[in-house]
Amino acid sequence: MTLHAGTESGTATVRAFSGGAQSVGDTGLALTIGAAAAEAMTVTATPAELPSTGGSSTITAAVIDGAGHRLVGVPVTFSGLSGFPKDSWLTQ
């Protein structure tokens, strides 16, 4: 059997049966898909410092699963929480 995940994040639970035998446990095997597999995130800025005369920095976020692998295609929302000097803003 092959599970082909769609584009929606979530958890798929798979159970197996054959005659009187079944997979171990009632809960089955849970497979997380997309953002549901996210356990950590890294955020980097390049460059990390800007001069007082202005400039721009590229902010990059990577969503990481429980095994330390990067999850590609998972949406990330950025927001500026505090510490933005006058005339500074975020664009996406």
Protein backbone atom coordinates (compact mmCIF):
# COMPACT_ATOMS: atom_id res chain seq x y z
CA MET A 1 0.00 0.00 0.00
CA THR A 2 1.20 3.55 -0.67
CA LEU A 3 -0.27 6.64 0.94
CA HIS A 4 -0.37 9.54 -1.52
CA ALA A 5 -0.81 12.74 0.50
CA GLY A 6 -2.81 15.57 -0.98
CA THR A 7 -2.12 19.26 -0.46
CA GLU A 8 -3.95 19.58 2.87
CA SER A 9 -2.06 19.29 6.17
CA GLY A 10 -3.29 16.86 8.80
CA THR A 11 -2.82 13.39 10.26
CA ALA A 12 -3.62 10.17 8.42
CA THR A 13 -4.19 7.07 10.56
CA VAL A 14 -3.54 3.70 8.94
CA ARG A 15 -4.59 0.30 10.32
CA ALA A 16 -3.92 -3.14 8.84
CA PHE A 17 -6.04 -6.32 9.13
CA SER A 18 -5.69 -9.83 7.75
CA GLY A 19 -8.02 -12.62 8.84
CA GLY A 20 -7.99 -12.56 12.65
CA ALA A 21 -4.72 -10.58 12.84
CA GLN A 22 -4.45 -6.83 13.04
CA SER A 23 -1.78 -4.18 13.40
CA VAL A 24 -0.50 -3.65 16.93
CA GLY A 25 -2.74 -1.41 19.04
CA ASP A 26 -6.14 0.07 18.36
CA THR A 27 -4.80 3.48 17.38
CA GLY A 28 -2.96 2.43 14.21
CA LEU A 29 -0.04 4.25 12.63
CA ALA A 30 -0.37 8.06 12.56
CA LEU A 31 1.34 9.85 9.68
CA THR A 32 1.59 13.62 9.84
CA ILE A 33 1.29 15.53 6.58
CA GLY A 34 2.58 19.01 5.81
CA ALA A 35 2.32 21.59 8.60
CA ALA A 36 1.00 18.93 10.99
CA ALA A 37 4.52 17.43 11.00
CA ALA A 38 6.14 20.72 12.08
CA GLU A 39 8.01 20.59 15.38
CA ALA A 40 10.47 23.47 15.08
CA MET A 41 11.36 26.47 12.98
CA THR A 42 14.52 28.39 12.21
CA VAL A 43 14.52 32.02 11.10
CA THR A 44 17.55 33.75 9.59
CA ALA A 45 18.25 37.24 8.26
CA THR A 46 20.76 38.05 5.49
CA PRO A 47 22.40 40.37 6.27
CA ALA A 48 21.76 40.17 10.02
CA GLU A 49 22.65 43.84 10.57
CA LEU A 50 21.75 46.94 8.57
CA PRO A 51 23.50 50.33 8.53
CA SER A 52 21.85 53.42 9.99
CA THR A 53 21.54 54.74 6.42
CA GLY A 54 18.96 52.02 5.62
CA GLY A 55 18.93 48.89 3.52
CA SER A 56 17.10 45.61 3.33
CA SER A 57 17.50 42.13 4.73
CA THR A 58 16.08 38.85 3.41
CA ILE A 59 14.29 36.92 6.16
CA THR A 60 14.13 33.14 5.63
CA ALA A 61 12.16 30.62 7.70
CA ALA A 62 12.59 26.85 7.60
CA VAL A 63 9.97 24.53 9.09
CA ILE A 64 11.53 21.40 10.63
CA ASP A 65 9.95 18.01 11.43
CA GLY A 66 10.69 15.79 14.44
CA ALA A 67 13.55 14.03 12.62
CA GLY A 68 15.29 17.34 11.84
CA HIS A 69 14.27 17.40 8.17
CA ARG A 70 13.13 20.54 6.43
CA LEU A 71 9.46 20.53 5.38
CA VAL A 72 9.23 22.03 1.90
CA GLY A 73 6.11 23.87 0.78
CA VAL A 74 4.66 24.46 4.26
CA PRO A 75 3.25 28.01 4.49
CA VAL A 76 4.89 30.44 6.92
CA THR A 77 3.43 33.77 8.04
CA PHE A 78 5.78 36.58 9.02
CA SER A 79 4.89 39.51 11.25
CA GLY A 80 6.77 42.36 12.87
CA LEU A 81 6.12 42.29 16.58
CA SER A 82 8.24 45.07 18.06
CA GLY A 83 11.37 47.12 17.77
CA PHE A 84 10.72 48.46 14.28
CA PRO A 85 12.31 51.89 13.90
CA LYS A 86 10.31 54.63 12.21
CA ASP A 87 9.94 54.16 8.45
CA SER A 88 10.63 50.39 8.61
CA TRP A 89 8.25 47.74 7.28
CA LEU A 90 7.92 44.12 6.13
CA THR A 91 6.96 42.96 2.66
CA GLN A 92 6.27 39.43 1.46
